[in-house]
């Protein structure tokens, strides 16, 4: 595992254990990279409740209840969809905390308004206010995915520190 992802994954697992929270993940652009980073570490099953990889728009709707109308209005890569994915992950799990992301890892698929590297990352806690960030990461597909996963883990830590 990449050292940065491993270090952040360890910190997230420790913070979740301290806070007695379980985690659900909805990874629409990293394809499970955050889940893999966490579950590479022994003992992760005490924290990671489940993960979703809603790669297609149909999966976003079927697995996590993201309204089709929301994707039509804002696009699958949007703040609104990232937040809906996070809420859906909580609603369809026994977790206390959820991370969701949606983006364009490339090398194609971008546009002027939504370039390759655009990623929205949302985290939310049951009963709490969500956090959502917009990033445009640079590099190749693998680099964009790693950067999104690393930032997602960091955003989880930010939310845990607020609690």
N, C-alpha and C. Protein backbone atom coordinates (compact mmCIF):
# COMPACT_ATOMS: atom_id res chain seq x y z
N UNK A 1 0.85 -1.18 0.00
CA UNK A 1 0.00 0.00 0.00
C UNK A 1 0.89 1.24 0.00
N UNK A 2 0.42 2.27 -0.64
CA UNK A 2 1.14 3.54 -0.65
C UNK A 2 1.25 4.09 0.77
N UNK A 3 2.43 4.57 1.15
CA UNK A 3 2.63 5.02 2.54
C UNK A 3 1.63 6.08 3.01
N UNK A 4 1.30 7.07 2.18
CA UNK A 4 0.37 8.11 2.59
C UNK A 4 -1.02 7.52 2.87
N UNK A 5 -1.48 6.65 2.00
CA UNK A 5 -2.79 6.03 2.23
C UNK A 5 -2.77 5.16 3.48
N UNK A 6 -1.71 4.41 3.67
CA UNK A 6 -1.61 3.55 4.85
C UNK A 6 -1.62 4.38 6.14
N UNK A 7 -0.85 5.44 6.16
CA UNK A 7 -0.78 6.29 7.36
C UNK A 7 -2.15 6.90 7.67
N UNK A 8 -2.82 7.41 6.65
CA UNK A 8 -4.14 8.02 6.88
C UNK A 8 -5.17 6.97 7.25
N UNK A 9 -5.11 5.81 6.61
CA UNK A 9 -6.05 4.73 6.94
C UNK A 9 -5.89 4.31 8.39
N UNK A 10 -4.65 4.17 8.85
CA UNK A 10 -4.41 3.81 10.25
C UNK A 10 -4.99 4.86 11.20
N UNK A 11 -4.78 6.13 10.86
CA UNK A 11 -5.31 7.21 11.70
C UNK A 11 -6.83 7.19 11.74
N UNK A 12 -7.48 6.93 10.60
CA UNK A 12 -8.94 6.86 10.56
C UNK A 12 -9.44 5.70 11.41
N UNK A 13 -8.83 4.53 11.28
CA UNK A 13 -9.25 3.38 12.07
C UNK A 13 -9.11 3.66 13.56
N UNK A 14 -7.99 4.24 13.96
CA UNK A 14 -7.78 4.57 15.38
C UNK A 14 -8.80 5.58 15.87
N UNK A 15 -9.08 6.62 15.07
CA UNK A 15 -10.04 7.65 15.48
C UNK A 15 -11.45 7.07 15.57
N UNK A 16 -11.81 6.19 14.64
CA UNK A 16 -13.12 5.56 14.69
C UNK A 16 -13.25 4.66 15.92
N UNK A 17 -12.19 3.92 16.23
CA UNK A 17 -12.23 3.06 17.42
C UNK A 17 -12.41 3.90 18.68
N UNK A 18 -11.64 4.99 18.78
CA UNK A 18 -11.74 5.88 19.95
C UNK A 18 -13.15 6.45 20.09
N UNK A 19 -13.77 6.80 18.95
CA UNK A 19 -15.10 7.40 18.98
C UNK A 19 -16.22 6.36 18.97
N UNK A 20 -15.85 5.08 18.91
CA UNK A 20 -16.82 3.98 18.85
C UNK A 20 -17.81 4.15 17.71
N UNK A 21 -17.28 4.44 16.52
CA UNK A 21 -18.13 4.57 15.34
C UNK A 21 -17.71 3.58 14.27
N UNK A 22 -18.70 3.18 13.48
CA UNK A 22 -18.45 2.30 12.34
C UNK A 22 -18.64 3.11 11.07
N UNK A 23 -18.02 2.65 10.02
CA UNK A 23 -17.88 3.41 8.80
C UNK A 23 -18.48 2.71 7.60
N UNK A 24 -19.19 3.47 6.75
CA UNK A 24 -19.68 3.00 5.45
C UNK A 24 -19.03 3.87 4.38
N UNK A 25 -18.73 3.26 3.24
CA UNK A 25 -18.04 3.96 2.16
C UNK A 25 -18.82 3.82 0.86
N UNK A 26 -18.93 4.90 0.11
CA UNK A 26 -19.56 4.88 -1.21
C UNK A 26 -18.55 5.51 -2.17
N UNK A 27 -17.87 4.66 -2.91
CA UNK A 27 -16.74 5.11 -3.74
C UNK A 27 -17.09 5.03 -5.22
N UNK A 28 -17.62 6.12 -5.74
CA UNK A 28 -18.07 6.16 -7.12
C UNK A 28 -16.93 6.44 -8.11
N UNK A 29 -15.81 6.96 -7.65
CA UNK A 29 -14.71 7.20 -8.60
C UNK A 29 -13.43 6.48 -8.23
N UNK A 30 -13.22 6.17 -6.97
CA UNK A 30 -12.00 5.46 -6.59
C UNK A 30 -12.16 3.95 -6.67
N UNK A 31 -13.38 3.48 -6.88
CA UNK A 31 -13.61 2.06 -7.10
C UNK A 31 -13.20 1.16 -5.95
N UNK A 32 -13.25 1.66 -4.74
CA UNK A 32 -12.94 0.83 -3.58
C UNK A 32 -11.54 1.04 -3.01
N UNK A 33 -10.83 2.03 -3.49
CA UNK A 33 -9.46 2.27 -3.02
C UNK A 33 -9.43 2.63 -1.54
N UNK A 34 -10.39 3.41 -1.07
CA UNK A 34 -10.43 3.75 0.36
C UNK A 34 -10.73 2.49 1.17
N UNK A 35 -11.70 1.71 0.72
CA UNK A 35 -12.04 0.46 1.41
C UNK A 35 -10.83 -0.46 1.48
N UNK A 36 -10.13 -0.59 0.36
CA UNK A 36 -8.95 -1.46 0.32
C UNK A 36 -7.87 -0.94 1.26
N UNK A 37 -7.67 0.37 1.30
CA UNK A 37 -6.66 0.94 2.18
C UNK A 37 -6.96 0.65 3.64
N UNK A 38 -8.23 0.76 4.00
CA UNK A 38 -8.63 0.49 5.38
C UNK A 38 -8.55 -0.99 5.71
N UNK A 39 -9.05 -1.83 4.82
CA UNK A 39 -9.12 -3.26 5.12
C UNK A 39 -7.80 -3.98 4.91
N UNK A 40 -6.80 -3.31 4.38
CA UNK A 40 -5.44 -3.87 4.35
C UNK A 40 -4.85 -3.95 5.76
N UNK A 41 -5.44 -3.21 6.69
CA UNK A 41 -4.91 -3.12 8.05
C UNK A 41 -5.66 -4.10 8.95
N UNK A 42 -4.94 -4.98 9.64
CA UNK A 42 -5.61 -5.93 10.53
C UNK A 42 -6.48 -5.22 11.56
N UNK A 43 -7.64 -5.78 11.81
CA UNK A 43 -8.56 -5.21 12.79
C UNK A 43 -9.55 -4.22 12.21
N UNK A 44 -9.48 -3.98 10.91
CA UNK A 44 -10.37 -3.01 10.28
C UNK A 44 -11.83 -3.40 10.38
N UNK A 45 -12.10 -4.70 10.54
CA UNK A 45 -13.50 -5.14 10.59
C UNK A 45 -14.24 -4.58 11.80
N UNK A 46 -13.53 -4.11 12.80
CA UNK A 46 -14.17 -3.47 13.95
C UNK A 46 -14.72 -2.09 13.59
N UNK A 47 -14.26 -1.53 12.47
CA UNK A 47 -14.65 -0.17 12.07
C UNK A 47 -15.41 -0.16 10.74
N UNK A 48 -14.92 -0.86 9.74
CA UNK A 48 -15.52 -0.81 8.41
C UNK A 48 -16.76 -1.69 8.40
N UNK A 49 -17.92 -1.06 8.29
CA UNK A 49 -19.19 -1.78 8.32
C UNK A 49 -19.52 -2.33 6.93
N UNK A 50 -19.37 -1.50 5.89
CA UNK A 50 -19.59 -1.95 4.52
C UNK A 50 -19.16 -0.88 3.54
N UNK A 51 -19.01 -1.32 2.29
CA UNK A 51 -18.65 -0.41 1.22
C UNK A 51 -19.51 -0.63 0.00
N UNK A 52 -19.72 0.45 -0.73
CA UNK A 52 -20.48 0.42 -1.98
C UNK A 52 -19.57 0.97 -3.07
N UNK A 53 -19.69 0.41 -4.26
CA UNK A 53 -18.99 0.96 -5.42
C UNK A 53 -20.04 1.26 -6.48
N UNK A 54 -20.74 2.38 -6.33
CA UNK A 54 -21.80 2.75 -7.27
C UNK A 54 -21.20 3.46 -8.49
N UNK A 55 -20.54 2.68 -9.35
CA UNK A 55 -19.79 3.25 -10.46
C UNK A 55 -20.71 3.82 -11.54
N UNK A 56 -21.80 3.14 -11.82
CA UNK A 56 -22.74 3.63 -12.83
C UNK A 56 -23.81 4.49 -12.17
N UNK A 57 -24.49 5.29 -12.99
CA UNK A 57 -25.60 6.09 -12.46
C UNK A 57 -26.72 5.19 -11.94
N UNK A 58 -26.95 4.07 -12.64
CA UNK A 58 -27.98 3.13 -12.19
C UNK A 58 -27.64 2.60 -10.80
N UNK A 59 -26.38 2.29 -10.57
CA UNK A 59 -25.97 1.79 -9.25
C UNK A 59 -26.15 2.85 -8.18
N UNK A 60 -25.88 4.10 -8.51
CA UNK A 60 -26.07 5.18 -7.54
C UNK A 60 -27.53 5.21 -7.07
N UNK A 61 -28.44 5.02 -8.02
CA UNK A 61 -29.87 5.02 -7.70
C UNK A 61 -30.28 3.73 -7.00
N UNK A 62 -29.91 2.59 -7.58
CA UNK A 62 -30.35 1.30 -7.04
C UNK A 62 -29.73 0.98 -5.68
N UNK A 63 -28.42 1.20 -5.53
CA UNK A 63 -27.74 0.84 -4.28
C UNK A 63 -27.96 1.86 -3.18
N UNK A 64 -27.96 3.16 -3.55
CA UNK A 64 -27.92 4.18 -2.51
C UNK A 64 -29.06 5.19 -2.57
N UNK A 65 -30.01 4.98 -3.49
CA UNK A 65 -31.20 5.83 -3.51
C UNK A 65 -30.99 7.23 -4.04
N UNK A 66 -29.93 7.47 -4.79
CA UNK A 66 -29.73 8.80 -5.36
C UNK A 66 -30.81 9.04 -6.42
N UNK A 67 -31.61 10.07 -6.29
CA UNK A 67 -32.67 10.31 -7.26
C UNK A 67 -32.09 10.61 -8.66
N UNK A 68 -32.69 9.99 -9.65
CA UNK A 68 -32.29 10.23 -11.04
C UNK A 68 -32.38 11.72 -11.35
N UNK A 69 -33.43 12.35 -10.85
CA UNK A 69 -33.65 13.78 -11.10
C UNK A 69 -32.49 14.64 -10.59
N UNK A 70 -31.88 14.21 -9.49
CA UNK A 70 -30.75 14.93 -8.93
C UNK A 70 -29.56 14.87 -9.88
N UNK A 71 -29.33 13.68 -10.45
CA UNK A 71 -28.22 13.53 -11.40
C UNK A 71 -28.49 14.27 -12.69
N UNK A 72 -29.74 14.30 -13.13
CA UNK A 72 -30.10 15.04 -14.34
C UNK A 72 -29.88 16.54 -14.11
N UNK A 73 -30.29 17.02 -12.96
CA UNK A 73 -30.20 18.45 -12.66
C UNK A 73 -28.77 18.93 -12.43
N UNK A 74 -27.95 18.10 -11.75
CA UNK A 74 -26.62 18.55 -11.33
C UNK A 74 -25.47 17.76 -11.93
N UNK A 75 -25.76 16.61 -12.49
CA UNK A 75 -24.73 15.71 -13.00
C UNK A 75 -24.30 14.74 -11.92
N UNK A 76 -23.82 13.58 -12.36
CA UNK A 76 -23.38 12.55 -11.41
C UNK A 76 -22.17 13.02 -10.62
N UNK A 77 -21.38 13.90 -11.21
CA UNK A 77 -20.22 14.46 -10.51
C UNK A 77 -20.61 15.85 -10.03
N UNK A 78 -21.10 15.90 -8.80
CA UNK A 78 -21.58 17.16 -8.23
C UNK A 78 -21.61 17.05 -6.71
N UNK A 79 -21.65 18.19 -6.07
CA UNK A 79 -21.76 18.25 -4.62
C UNK A 79 -23.05 17.56 -4.17
N UNK A 80 -24.13 17.83 -4.88
CA UNK A 80 -25.43 17.29 -4.50
C UNK A 80 -25.43 15.76 -4.53
N UNK A 81 -24.80 15.19 -5.55
CA UNK A 81 -24.77 13.73 -5.65
C UNK A 81 -23.82 13.15 -4.60
N UNK A 82 -22.70 13.79 -4.35
CA UNK A 82 -21.78 13.30 -3.32
C UNK A 82 -22.49 13.25 -1.96
N UNK A 83 -23.23 14.29 -1.64
CA UNK A 83 -23.97 14.32 -0.38
C UNK A 83 -25.06 13.25 -0.35
N UNK A 84 -25.75 13.05 -1.47
CA UNK A 84 -26.79 12.02 -1.54
C UNK A 84 -26.19 10.63 -1.39
N UNK A 85 -25.01 10.41 -1.97
CA UNK A 85 -24.33 9.12 -1.81
C UNK A 85 -23.98 8.87 -0.34
N UNK A 86 -23.48 9.89 0.34
CA UNK A 86 -23.12 9.74 1.76
C UNK A 86 -24.37 9.45 2.60
N UNK A 87 -25.45 10.18 2.34
CA UNK A 87 -26.69 9.94 3.09
C UNK A 87 -27.22 8.54 2.79
N UNK A 88 -27.14 8.13 1.53
CA UNK A 88 -27.60 6.80 1.15
C UNK A 88 -26.79 5.70 1.81
N UNK A 89 -25.48 5.90 1.93
CA UNK A 89 -24.63 4.90 2.59
C UNK A 89 -25.02 4.74 4.06
N UNK A 90 -25.34 5.84 4.71
CA UNK A 90 -25.80 5.74 6.11
C UNK A 90 -27.16 5.06 6.20
N UNK A 91 -28.06 5.44 5.29
CA UNK A 91 -29.41 4.89 5.32
C UNK A 91 -29.44 3.39 5.04
N UNK A 92 -28.46 2.90 4.30
CA UNK A 92 -28.45 1.49 3.90
C UNK A 92 -27.36 0.69 4.61
N UNK A 93 -27.02 1.15 5.81
CA UNK A 93 -26.00 0.45 6.59
C UNK A 93 -26.31 0.62 8.07
N UNK A 94 -25.46 0.00 8.88
CA UNK A 94 -25.54 0.16 10.33
C UNK A 94 -24.42 1.07 10.81
N UNK A 95 -23.79 1.77 9.89
CA UNK A 95 -22.65 2.64 10.21
C UNK A 95 -23.12 3.94 10.85
N UNK A 96 -22.18 4.59 11.52
CA UNK A 96 -22.42 5.89 12.16
C UNK A 96 -21.87 7.03 11.33
N UNK A 97 -20.96 6.70 10.42
CA UNK A 97 -20.20 7.69 9.66
C UNK A 97 -20.06 7.19 8.24
N UNK A 98 -20.18 8.09 7.26
CA UNK A 98 -20.06 7.69 5.86
C UNK A 98 -19.16 8.63 5.10
N UNK A 99 -18.43 8.04 4.17
CA UNK A 99 -17.61 8.78 3.21
C UNK A 99 -18.16 8.44 1.83
N UNK A 100 -18.32 9.45 0.99
CA UNK A 100 -18.73 9.23 -0.39
C UNK A 100 -17.93 10.14 -1.29
N UNK A 101 -17.66 9.65 -2.49
CA UNK A 101 -17.00 10.50 -3.47
C UNK A 101 -17.49 10.16 -4.86
N UNK A 102 -17.44 11.16 -5.72
CA UNK A 102 -17.81 11.01 -7.12
C UNK A 102 -16.93 11.94 -7.92
N UNK A 103 -16.43 11.46 -9.05
CA UNK A 103 -15.51 12.29 -9.80
C UNK A 103 -15.20 11.75 -11.18
N UNK A 104 -14.25 12.41 -11.81
CA UNK A 104 -13.81 12.06 -13.16
C UNK A 104 -12.31 11.79 -13.09
N UNK A 105 -11.95 10.51 -13.10
CA UNK A 105 -10.54 10.13 -12.96
C UNK A 105 -9.78 10.16 -14.28
N UNK A 106 -10.50 10.18 -15.40
CA UNK A 106 -9.85 10.30 -16.71
C UNK A 106 -9.34 8.97 -17.24
N UNK A 107 -8.61 9.00 -18.29
CA UNK A 107 -8.06 10.19 -18.94
C UNK A 107 -9.06 10.96 -19.79
N UNK A 108 -10.24 10.39 -20.06
CA UNK A 108 -11.25 11.11 -20.83
C UNK A 108 -12.47 11.33 -19.95
N UNK A 109 -13.49 11.95 -20.51
CA UNK A 109 -14.74 12.15 -19.78
C UNK A 109 -14.91 13.53 -19.18
N UNK A 110 -13.87 14.34 -19.24
CA UNK A 110 -13.98 15.68 -18.68
C UNK A 110 -14.55 16.67 -19.67
N UNK A 111 -14.87 17.84 -19.17
CA UNK A 111 -15.36 18.95 -19.99
C UNK A 111 -14.79 20.24 -19.41
N UNK A 112 -15.09 21.35 -20.04
CA UNK A 112 -14.61 22.63 -19.52
C UNK A 112 -15.14 22.91 -18.12
N UNK A 113 -16.42 22.60 -17.90
CA UNK A 113 -17.02 22.87 -16.58
C UNK A 113 -16.74 21.76 -15.57
N UNK A 114 -16.44 20.56 -16.07
CA UNK A 114 -16.14 19.43 -15.19
C UNK A 114 -14.91 18.71 -15.75
N UNK A 115 -13.73 19.23 -15.40
CA UNK A 115 -12.50 18.68 -15.98
C UNK A 115 -12.10 17.33 -15.38
N UNK A 116 -11.26 16.62 -16.12
CA UNK A 116 -10.66 15.41 -15.57
C UNK A 116 -9.94 15.80 -14.28
N UNK A 117 -10.12 15.01 -13.25
CA UNK A 117 -9.53 15.29 -11.94
C UNK A 117 -10.52 15.89 -10.95
N UNK A 118 -11.70 16.31 -11.45
CA UNK A 118 -12.73 16.88 -10.56
C UNK A 118 -13.30 15.77 -9.68
N UNK A 119 -13.28 15.99 -8.37
CA UNK A 119 -13.82 15.03 -7.42
C UNK A 119 -14.54 15.79 -6.30
N UNK A 120 -15.73 15.33 -5.98
CA UNK A 120 -16.46 15.82 -4.81
C UNK A 120 -16.39 14.73 -3.75
N UNK A 121 -16.01 15.12 -2.55
CA UNK A 121 -15.89 14.19 -1.43
C UNK A 121 -16.79 14.68 -0.31
N UNK A 122 -17.66 13.79 0.17
CA UNK A 122 -18.58 14.15 1.25
C UNK A 122 -18.42 13.16 2.40
N UNK A 123 -18.50 13.67 3.60
CA UNK A 123 -18.54 12.83 4.79
C UNK A 123 -19.68 13.33 5.66
N UNK A 124 -20.33 12.39 6.32
CA UNK A 124 -21.41 12.76 7.21
C UNK A 124 -21.52 11.75 8.34
N UNK A 125 -22.00 12.23 9.44
CA UNK A 125 -22.21 11.40 10.62
C UNK A 125 -23.71 11.37 10.89
N UNK A 126 -24.21 10.25 11.33
CA UNK A 126 -25.63 10.13 11.65
C UNK A 126 -26.02 11.26 12.61
N UNK A 127 -27.00 12.06 12.21
CA UNK A 127 -27.48 13.15 13.05
C UNK A 127 -26.61 14.40 13.02
N UNK A 128 -25.56 14.40 12.20
CA UNK A 128 -24.66 15.55 12.16
C UNK A 128 -24.68 16.27 10.82
N UNK A 129 -24.03 17.41 10.80
CA UNK A 129 -23.94 18.18 9.56
C UNK A 129 -22.84 17.60 8.68
N UNK A 130 -23.10 17.47 7.38
CA UNK A 130 -22.10 16.90 6.49
C UNK A 130 -21.02 17.91 6.11
N UNK A 131 -19.90 17.39 5.66
CA UNK A 131 -18.84 18.19 5.06
C UNK A 131 -18.73 17.74 3.61
N UNK A 132 -18.53 18.67 2.70
CA UNK A 132 -18.34 18.31 1.30
C UNK A 132 -17.30 19.24 0.70
N UNK A 133 -16.36 18.65 -0.02
CA UNK A 133 -15.30 19.43 -0.66
C UNK A 133 -15.25 19.14 -2.15
N UNK A 134 -14.86 20.16 -2.90
CA UNK A 134 -14.63 20.03 -4.34
C UNK A 134 -13.13 20.15 -4.58
N UNK A 135 -12.60 19.22 -5.34
CA UNK A 135 -11.17 19.23 -5.67
C UNK A 135 -10.98 18.98 -7.15
N UNK A 136 -9.92 19.53 -7.70
CA UNK A 136 -9.48 19.17 -9.04
C UNK A 136 -8.04 18.68 -8.88
N UNK A 137 -7.89 17.37 -8.88
CA UNK A 137 -6.59 16.74 -8.72
C UNK A 137 -5.93 16.61 -10.08
N UNK A 138 -4.61 16.64 -10.10
CA UNK A 138 -3.87 16.52 -11.34
C UNK A 138 -3.11 15.20 -11.38
N UNK A 139 -2.70 14.84 -12.57
CA UNK A 139 -1.93 13.61 -12.74
C UNK A 139 -2.67 12.62 -13.62
N UNK A 140 -2.17 11.41 -13.63
CA UNK A 140 -2.83 10.37 -14.41
C UNK A 140 -3.99 9.78 -13.61
N UNK A 141 -4.70 8.84 -14.21
CA UNK A 141 -5.87 8.23 -13.58
C UNK A 141 -5.55 7.66 -12.20
N UNK A 142 -4.47 6.89 -12.10
CA UNK A 142 -4.11 6.29 -10.81
C UNK A 142 -3.78 7.36 -9.78
N UNK A 143 -3.09 8.41 -10.20
CA UNK A 143 -2.73 9.49 -9.28
C UNK A 143 -3.95 10.25 -8.78
N UNK A 144 -4.89 10.49 -9.67
CA UNK A 144 -6.13 11.17 -9.28
C UNK A 144 -6.90 10.33 -8.27
N UNK A 145 -7.00 9.04 -8.53
CA UNK A 145 -7.71 8.15 -7.62
C UNK A 145 -7.03 8.10 -6.25
N UNK A 146 -5.70 8.01 -6.24
CA UNK A 146 -4.97 7.99 -4.96
C UNK A 146 -5.15 9.30 -4.20
N UNK A 147 -5.08 10.42 -4.91
CA UNK A 147 -5.25 11.73 -4.26
C UNK A 147 -6.65 11.86 -3.67
N UNK A 148 -7.65 11.40 -4.40
CA UNK A 148 -9.03 11.46 -3.89
C UNK A 148 -9.20 10.57 -2.66
N UNK A 149 -8.62 9.39 -2.69
CA UNK A 149 -8.70 8.49 -1.54
C UNK A 149 -8.01 9.10 -0.32
N UNK A 150 -6.83 9.65 -0.52
CA UNK A 150 -6.08 10.26 0.59
C UNK A 150 -6.85 11.43 1.19
N UNK A 151 -7.42 12.28 0.33
CA UNK A 151 -8.17 13.43 0.84
C UNK A 151 -9.45 12.97 1.54
N UNK A 152 -10.09 11.91 1.02
CA UNK A 152 -11.28 11.38 1.68
C UNK A 152 -10.98 10.90 3.09
N UNK A 153 -9.87 10.19 3.25
CA UNK A 153 -9.47 9.74 4.59
C UNK A 153 -9.20 10.93 5.51
N UNK A 154 -8.55 11.95 4.97
CA UNK A 154 -8.27 13.15 5.77
C UNK A 154 -9.57 13.86 6.16
N UNK A 155 -10.53 13.90 5.26
CA UNK A 155 -11.81 14.55 5.57
C UNK A 155 -12.57 13.78 6.65
N UNK A 156 -12.47 12.45 6.64
CA UNK A 156 -13.04 11.67 7.72
C UNK A 156 -12.44 12.06 9.06
N UNK A 157 -11.12 12.22 9.08
CA UNK A 157 -10.45 12.65 10.33
C UNK A 157 -10.95 14.02 10.77
N UNK A 158 -11.13 14.93 9.83
CA UNK A 158 -11.64 16.27 10.15
C UNK A 158 -13.01 16.17 10.81
N UNK A 159 -13.89 15.37 10.24
CA UNK A 159 -15.23 15.23 10.81
C UNK A 159 -15.17 14.59 12.19
N UNK A 160 -14.33 13.59 12.36
CA UNK A 160 -14.20 12.92 13.67
C UNK A 160 -13.66 13.88 14.73
N UNK A 161 -12.75 14.76 14.34
CA UNK A 161 -12.19 15.73 15.29
C UNK A 161 -13.22 16.76 15.72
N UNK A 162 -14.20 17.05 14.85
CA UNK A 162 -15.26 18.01 15.19
C UNK A 162 -16.23 17.45 16.23
N UNK A 163 -16.34 16.14 16.25
CA UNK A 163 -17.36 15.49 17.11
C UNK A 163 -16.94 15.46 18.56
